[in-house]
Protein backbone atom coordinates (compact mmCIF):
# COMPACT_ATOMS: atom_id res chain seq x y z
CA MET A 1 108.74 -99.83 -81.17
CA THR A 2 108.19 -102.79 -83.51
CA ASP A 3 107.12 -102.58 -87.18
CA GLU A 4 103.75 -103.97 -86.14
CA ASP A 5 103.29 -101.16 -83.61
CA ARG A 6 103.93 -98.60 -86.37
CA GLN A 7 101.30 -100.13 -88.63
CA PRO A 8 97.78 -98.68 -88.51
CA LEU A 9 95.37 -101.01 -86.74
CA VAL A 10 92.96 -102.77 -89.12
CA SER A 11 89.70 -104.12 -87.74
CA VAL A 12 88.53 -107.17 -89.69
CA VAL A 13 84.76 -107.63 -89.44
CA VAL A 14 83.54 -111.06 -90.56
CA LEU A 15 79.77 -111.41 -90.97
CA SER A 16 78.52 -114.90 -90.14
CA TYR A 17 75.22 -116.69 -90.65
CA ASN A 18 74.66 -120.45 -90.42
CA ARG A 19 77.87 -121.53 -92.20
CA PRO A 20 80.29 -122.67 -89.49
CA ASP A 21 82.51 -124.74 -91.80
CA PHE A 22 82.94 -121.85 -94.18
CA LEU A 23 83.55 -119.47 -91.27
CA GLU A 24 86.43 -121.58 -89.98
CA GLN A 25 88.13 -121.42 -93.38
CA ALA A 26 87.51 -117.67 -93.62
CA LEU A 27 89.07 -117.08 -90.20
CA ARG A 28 92.11 -119.19 -91.12
CA SER A 29 92.60 -116.97 -94.17
CA ILE A 30 92.54 -113.89 -91.92
CA ALA A 31 95.00 -115.51 -89.49
CA ALA A 32 97.35 -116.09 -92.45
CA GLN A 33 97.53 -112.40 -93.45
CA THR A 34 100.99 -110.95 -93.90
CA TYR A 35 99.67 -107.76 -92.27
CA ARG A 36 99.87 -108.42 -88.54
CA ASN A 37 98.32 -105.44 -86.72
CA LEU A 38 94.76 -106.76 -86.84
CA GLU A 39 91.79 -107.14 -84.57
CA VAL A 40 89.22 -109.69 -85.71
CA ILE A 41 85.51 -109.32 -84.98
CA VAL A 42 83.00 -112.01 -85.96
CA VAL A 43 79.41 -110.76 -86.06
CA ASP A 44 76.98 -113.69 -85.95
CA ASN A 45 73.38 -113.30 -87.02
CA PRO A 46 71.61 -116.01 -84.97
CA SER A 47 70.88 -119.37 -86.59
CA ALA A 48 70.72 -123.06 -85.74
CA ALA A 49 74.52 -123.14 -86.06
CA SER A 50 75.24 -120.29 -83.64
CA GLU A 51 76.62 -122.56 -80.90
CA ARG A 52 79.05 -124.17 -83.34
CA ILE A 53 80.02 -120.72 -84.58
CA ARG A 54 80.74 -119.62 -81.01
CA ALA A 55 82.99 -122.64 -80.52
CA ILE A 56 84.84 -122.01 -83.78
CA VAL A 57 85.50 -118.35 -82.95
CA GLY A 58 86.83 -119.50 -79.59
CA GLN A 59 89.57 -121.45 -81.39
CA PHE A 60 91.06 -118.20 -82.72
CA SER A 61 92.66 -116.23 -79.91
CA ALA A 62 92.73 -113.00 -81.92
CA ALA A 63 88.99 -113.12 -82.69
CA ARG A 64 86.06 -111.98 -80.61
CA LEU A 65 82.41 -112.74 -81.17
CA ILE A 66 79.47 -110.36 -81.34
CA ALA A 67 76.31 -112.45 -81.07
CA MET A 68 73.43 -110.44 -82.49
CA PRO A 69 70.13 -110.84 -80.58
CA LYS A 70 68.23 -111.16 -83.88
CA ASN A 71 69.03 -111.42 -87.56
CA ALA A 72 69.97 -107.86 -88.52
CA GLY A 73 70.90 -108.72 -92.09
CA TYR A 74 74.08 -107.61 -93.78
CA THR A 75 73.55 -103.97 -92.89
CA GLY A 76 72.79 -104.37 -89.20
CA GLY A 77 75.53 -106.93 -88.66
CA MET A 78 78.23 -104.93 -90.43
CA ASN A 79 77.18 -101.69 -88.76
CA GLU A 80 77.53 -103.30 -85.33
CA GLY A 81 80.97 -104.60 -86.24
CA ILE A 82 82.01 -101.16 -87.48
CA ARG A 83 80.63 -99.56 -84.30
CA GLN A 84 82.76 -101.82 -82.09
CA ALA A 85 85.87 -101.70 -84.29
CA ARG A 86 88.88 -99.73 -83.05
CA GLY A 87 90.99 -99.69 -86.19
CA GLU A 88 91.97 -96.78 -88.40
CA TYR A 89 90.77 -99.02 -91.24
CA VAL A 90 87.90 -101.52 -91.18
CA TYR A 91 88.02 -104.50 -93.53
CA LEU A 92 84.59 -106.05 -94.12
CA THR A 93 84.25 -109.63 -95.31
CA GLU A 94 81.87 -112.57 -95.00
CA ASP A 95 81.99 -116.12 -93.76
CA ASP A 96 82.21 -117.57 -97.29
CA MET A 97 85.21 -115.45 -98.37
CA LEU A 98 88.86 -116.52 -98.27
CA THR A 99 91.11 -113.46 -98.18
CA GLU A 100 94.52 -114.18 -99.73
CA PRO A 101 97.51 -113.56 -97.40
CA PRO A 102 98.84 -110.32 -99.00
CA ALA A 103 95.40 -108.71 -99.47
CA ILE A 104 95.03 -106.54 -96.37
CA ALA A 105 98.67 -105.38 -96.58
CA ALA A 106 98.12 -104.33 -100.21
CA LEU A 107 94.98 -102.36 -99.33
CA VAL A 108 96.63 -100.56 -96.41
CA GLN A 109 99.76 -99.81 -98.41
CA TYR A 110 97.72 -98.02 -101.05
CA ALA A 111 95.39 -96.29 -98.58
CA GLU A 112 98.35 -94.75 -96.75
CA THR A 113 99.41 -93.01 -100.00
CA ASP A 114 95.97 -91.62 -100.94
CA PRO A 115 93.99 -89.86 -98.19
CA GLN A 116 90.96 -89.37 -100.48
CA ALA A 117 90.56 -93.13 -100.96
CA ALA A 118 87.80 -93.94 -98.45
CA ILE A 119 86.63 -97.25 -99.93
CA LEU A 120 89.05 -99.88 -101.19
CA SER A 121 88.56 -103.36 -102.57
CA GLY A 122 90.31 -105.92 -104.74
CA ILE A 123 89.57 -108.77 -107.12
CA HIS A 124 86.86 -111.28 -106.28
CA PHE A 125 87.30 -114.84 -107.60
CA ASP A 126 85.00 -117.84 -107.52
CA GLU A 127 85.85 -121.24 -106.05
CA HIS A 128 87.44 -122.34 -109.34
CA GLY A 129 89.73 -119.32 -109.60
CA ALA A 130 87.73 -117.47 -112.27
CA MET A 131 87.29 -113.73 -111.80
CA VAL A 132 83.85 -112.79 -110.50
CA HIS A 133 84.56 -109.09 -110.74
CA ALA A 134 87.01 -106.34 -109.86
CA GLY A 135 84.71 -103.55 -108.85
CA GLY A 136 82.67 -101.71 -111.42
CA PHE A 137 80.91 -98.61 -112.59
CA LEU A 138 77.36 -97.59 -111.76
CA ARG A 139 75.02 -95.04 -113.20
CA LEU A 140 71.78 -93.73 -111.73
CA GLY A 141 70.04 -92.85 -114.97
CA ALA A 142 66.46 -93.47 -116.05
CA VAL A 143 67.68 -97.08 -116.31
CA TYR A 144 69.78 -98.35 -113.41
CA SER A 145 73.17 -99.59 -114.62
CA LEU A 146 75.94 -101.45 -112.80
CA PHE A 147 78.79 -102.67 -115.02
CA LEU A 148 81.13 -105.09 -113.25
CA LEU A 149 84.67 -105.55 -114.51
CA GLY A 150 85.09 -109.25 -115.16
CA ARG A 151 81.48 -110.35 -115.02
CA ASP A 152 80.33 -107.99 -117.75
CA THR A 153 83.46 -108.08 -119.92
CA PRO A 154 84.21 -110.78 -122.54
CA GLU A 155 87.64 -111.44 -121.02
CA PRO A 156 89.15 -110.59 -117.63
CA PRO A 157 90.47 -107.02 -117.88
CA ALA A 158 94.19 -106.31 -117.70
CA MET A 159 94.96 -104.39 -114.51
CA ALA A 160 98.49 -103.10 -114.07
CA GLY A 161 97.87 -101.36 -110.75
CA PRO A 162 95.29 -99.64 -108.54
CA PHE A 163 92.50 -97.78 -110.34
CA CYS A 164 89.39 -95.79 -109.46
CA ALA A 165 85.90 -97.25 -109.79
CA THR A 166 82.42 -96.21 -108.72
CA TYR A 167 81.43 -99.53 -107.11
CA ALA A 168 83.11 -102.02 -104.78
CA THR A 169 81.52 -105.18 -103.39
CA GLY A 170 80.38 -105.37 -99.79
CA ALA A 171 81.86 -108.88 -99.56
CA MET A 172 85.40 -107.43 -99.67
CA LEU A 173 85.50 -103.84 -98.53
CA MET A 174 88.04 -101.73 -96.67
CA LEU A 175 86.74 -98.46 -95.20
CA ARG A 176 88.70 -95.54 -93.83
CA ARG A 177 87.35 -94.94 -90.32
CA SER A 178 87.61 -91.14 -90.51
CA ALA A 179 85.38 -91.15 -93.60
CA VAL A 180 82.82 -93.41 -91.93
CA GLU A 181 82.72 -91.12 -88.90
CA GLU A 182 82.06 -88.16 -91.19
CA LEU A 183 79.70 -89.74 -93.75
CA GLY A 184 78.12 -92.66 -91.89
CA SER A 185 78.09 -96.41 -92.44
CA PHE A 186 75.39 -98.54 -94.09
CA ARG A 187 71.77 -97.36 -94.03
CA PRO A 188 69.88 -99.42 -91.40
CA ASP A 189 66.67 -99.46 -93.44
CA PHE A 190 68.35 -101.27 -96.35
CA PHE A 191 68.81 -104.54 -94.34
CA MET A 192 70.19 -106.34 -97.42
CA TYR A 193 70.65 -105.69 -101.14
CA LEU A 194 72.14 -102.49 -102.65
CA GLU A 195 73.52 -101.41 -99.27
CA ASP A 196 77.04 -101.34 -100.72
CA VAL A 197 75.85 -99.40 -103.78
CA GLU A 198 74.24 -96.72 -101.61
CA LEU A 199 77.40 -96.40 -99.50
CA CYS A 200 79.56 -96.04 -102.62
CA VAL A 201 77.30 -93.35 -104.10
CA ARG A 202 77.20 -91.40 -100.82
CA PHE A 203 80.98 -91.42 -100.47
CA LEU A 204 81.54 -90.47 -104.10
CA ARG A 205 79.15 -87.52 -103.83
CA ALA A 206 81.18 -86.28 -100.87
CA GLY A 207 84.36 -86.18 -102.94
CA ARG A 208 85.90 -89.44 -101.71
CA THR A 209 87.25 -92.05 -104.10
CA ILE A 210 86.77 -95.79 -104.49
CA VAL A 211 89.95 -97.64 -105.44
CA ILE A 212 90.39 -101.21 -106.63
CA VAL A 213 93.78 -102.68 -105.69
CA PRO A 214 94.42 -105.74 -107.91
CA ALA A 215 97.08 -107.10 -105.54
CA ALA A 216 94.29 -107.67 -103.00
CA ARG A 217 92.42 -110.86 -103.82
CA ALA A 218 89.71 -112.93 -102.21
CA LYS A 219 87.90 -116.10 -103.22
CA THR A 220 84.34 -117.08 -102.45
CA LEU A 221 83.71 -120.62 -101.28
CA ALA A 222 81.11 -122.86 -102.93
CA ASN A 223 77.69 -121.47 -102.20
CA LEU A 224 75.21 -123.59 -100.28
CA PRO A 225 72.05 -124.49 -102.17
CA THR A 226 69.61 -121.63 -101.92
CA ALA A 227 65.94 -121.37 -102.64
CA LYS A 228 64.54 -119.23 -105.41
CA SER A 229 64.33 -115.53 -104.57
CA SER A 230 62.01 -115.14 -101.61
CA ALA A 231 59.26 -112.59 -101.17
CA ALA A 232 61.40 -110.84 -98.52
CA LEU A 233 64.41 -110.62 -100.84
CA ASN A 234 62.30 -109.24 -103.69
CA PHE A 235 60.74 -106.70 -101.34
CA HIS A 236 64.17 -105.41 -100.27
CA LYS A 237 65.41 -105.33 -103.87
CA PHE A 238 62.50 -103.20 -105.02
CA LYS A 239 62.29 -100.84 -102.05
CA ASN A 240 66.04 -100.27 -101.80
CA LEU A 241 66.38 -99.46 -105.49
CA GLN A 242 63.59 -96.90 -105.23
CA ALA A 243 65.03 -95.45 -102.00
CA LEU A 244 68.49 -95.26 -103.60
CA TYR A 245 67.09 -93.13 -106.41
CA LEU A 246 65.10 -90.86 -104.11
CA LEU A 247 68.21 -90.26 -102.04
CA HIS A 248 70.83 -89.79 -104.75
CA ALA A 249 69.64 -89.78 -108.38
CA PRO A 250 69.42 -86.54 -110.39
CA ALA A 251 65.90 -85.11 -110.20
CA ARG A 252 65.52 -85.16 -113.99
CA VAL A 253 65.67 -88.98 -114.15
CA LEU A 254 63.17 -89.69 -111.37
CA PRO A 255 59.94 -89.55 -113.43
CA GLY A 256 61.26 -91.98 -116.03
CA PHE A 257 62.77 -94.24 -113.41
CA PHE A 258 59.59 -94.58 -111.35
CA ALA A 259 57.44 -95.03 -114.45
CA ARG A 260 59.67 -97.94 -115.46
CA TYR A 261 60.48 -99.60 -112.10
CA ALA A 262 57.35 -98.92 -110.05
CA GLY A 263 54.68 -98.71 -112.75
CA MET A 264 55.47 -100.73 -115.86
CA ALA A 265 57.35 -103.34 -113.83
CA LEU A 266 54.26 -103.91 -111.70
CA LEU A 267 52.09 -104.54 -114.75
CA ARG A 268 54.68 -106.93 -116.19
CA HIS A 269 54.98 -108.93 -112.98
CA LEU A 270 51.21 -109.07 -112.49
CA LEU A 271 50.93 -110.90 -115.81
CA ARG A 272 53.90 -113.22 -115.32
CA GLU A 273 54.82 -113.51 -111.62
CA PRO A 274 52.00 -112.50 -109.25
CA ALA A 275 54.08 -113.26 -106.14
CA VAL A 276 56.85 -110.92 -107.33
CA ALA A 277 54.20 -108.30 -108.14
CA MET A 278 52.98 -108.45 -104.54
CA ALA A 279 56.54 -107.83 -103.30
CA LEU A 280 56.70 -104.79 -105.59
CA VAL A 281 53.34 -103.55 -104.27
CA ARG A 282 54.73 -103.80 -100.71
CA ALA A 283 57.84 -101.93 -101.79
CA ASN A 284 55.80 -99.20 -103.45
CA LEU A 285 53.71 -98.81 -100.29
CA TRP A 286 56.85 -98.65 -98.12
CA VAL A 287 58.40 -95.96 -100.31
CA SER A 288 55.14 -93.98 -100.32
CA ALA A 289 54.94 -94.11 -96.52
CA HIS A 290 58.57 -93.01 -96.14
CA PHE A 291 58.57 -90.53 -99.03
CA PRO A 292 58.69 -87.34 -96.89
CA ARG A 293 61.55 -88.71 -94.76
CA LEU A 294 63.53 -89.80 -97.83
CA LEU A 295 63.12 -86.37 -99.42
CA ARG A 296 64.37 -84.70 -96.22
CA GLU A 297 67.36 -87.01 -96.23
CA ARG A 298 67.95 -86.25 -99.91
CA LYS A 299 68.27 -82.55 -99.07
CA ARG A 300 70.52 -83.28 -96.08
CA LEU A 301 72.80 -85.54 -98.14
CA ALA A 302 73.03 -82.98 -100.93
CA ALA A 303 74.01 -80.28 -98.43
CA MET A 304 76.55 -82.57 -96.76
CA ALA A 305 78.02 -83.49 -100.14
CA ARG A 306 78.48 -79.81 -101.03
CA VAL A 307 80.27 -79.09 -97.76
CA THR A 308 82.54 -82.13 -97.84
CA GLN A 309 83.32 -81.63 -101.53
CA THR A 310 84.32 -78.03 -100.82
CA ASN A 311 86.55 -79.17 -97.94
CA ALA A 312 88.12 -81.86 -100.14
CA ASP A 313 88.83 -79.34 -102.92
CA ALA A 314 90.39 -76.95 -100.40
CA SER A 315 92.58 -79.74 -99.07
CA VAL A 316 93.82 -80.55 -102.58
CA ILE A 317 94.61 -76.87 -103.26
CA SER A 318 96.46 -76.64 -99.94
CA ARG A 319 98.59 -79.70 -100.74
CA GLN A 320 99.36 -78.33 -104.20
CA GLN A 321 100.50 -75.02 -102.69
CA VAL A 322 102.80 -76.88 -100.31
CA LEU A 323 104.24 -78.92 -103.17
């Protein structure tokens, strides 16, 4: 048996949309990994460049293509890749990310030492080599807070080794398959925006940990010019934030949160940005229509979190007794 055969299989899922030149560079960075026991899955949301993307994937013998019948967003594309992945670990990345050669090996090496680590990530750099962030810390209070290490600190933080966080970016994410099978993958109704936040919160509530491994690094390529936030993007931002709170936030913060983000925000946008206000109205209507379902899911998630947390605590006690 070779060393590669003894390594856990890692499924690399690369989400692609209309950026064939970036995708080719991203796939070359995966082919250059020092960790060799990989399967590579490219999930392509259809675009004008889909034929070029098919040809590029064909140049990499280790990669296979999943051509989505329609644009399923980040959530739908990644979920399909996860569904078809065979690996014990699933590494999620995007077509504009270059993963440095030691990154996957560093993530697996840590994951094999810490069975409670269900989500792992590393340091995200921009095209010029400046730190974008290294995970972060989120809080579902009356005011939503996400503090990113690097972006929200005056200087890049000193990181001597792996550390726990409460947020990891969906652009560079390793998931433990057993945890996904138990707790689920991304919520299909999120489509895009805050899907990684919701996943992190759900896993944390179930007693799993999120670990940032500084030895794992990835760089984003130069972004293509994009238009100002669209009505669709604003709609998903507003509805997903409200759904996130209904699913996971403490009950005591919900009145203040909805007064601020659904009520006062609407008045503010009506005066300044009517188009954004209309997106918020659509989001409010969506949340109202799905309110009973979201409350049922809130109860289910709370019950699941209690069970899995109890199991995790029992596992820790059992290991301590053995030691």
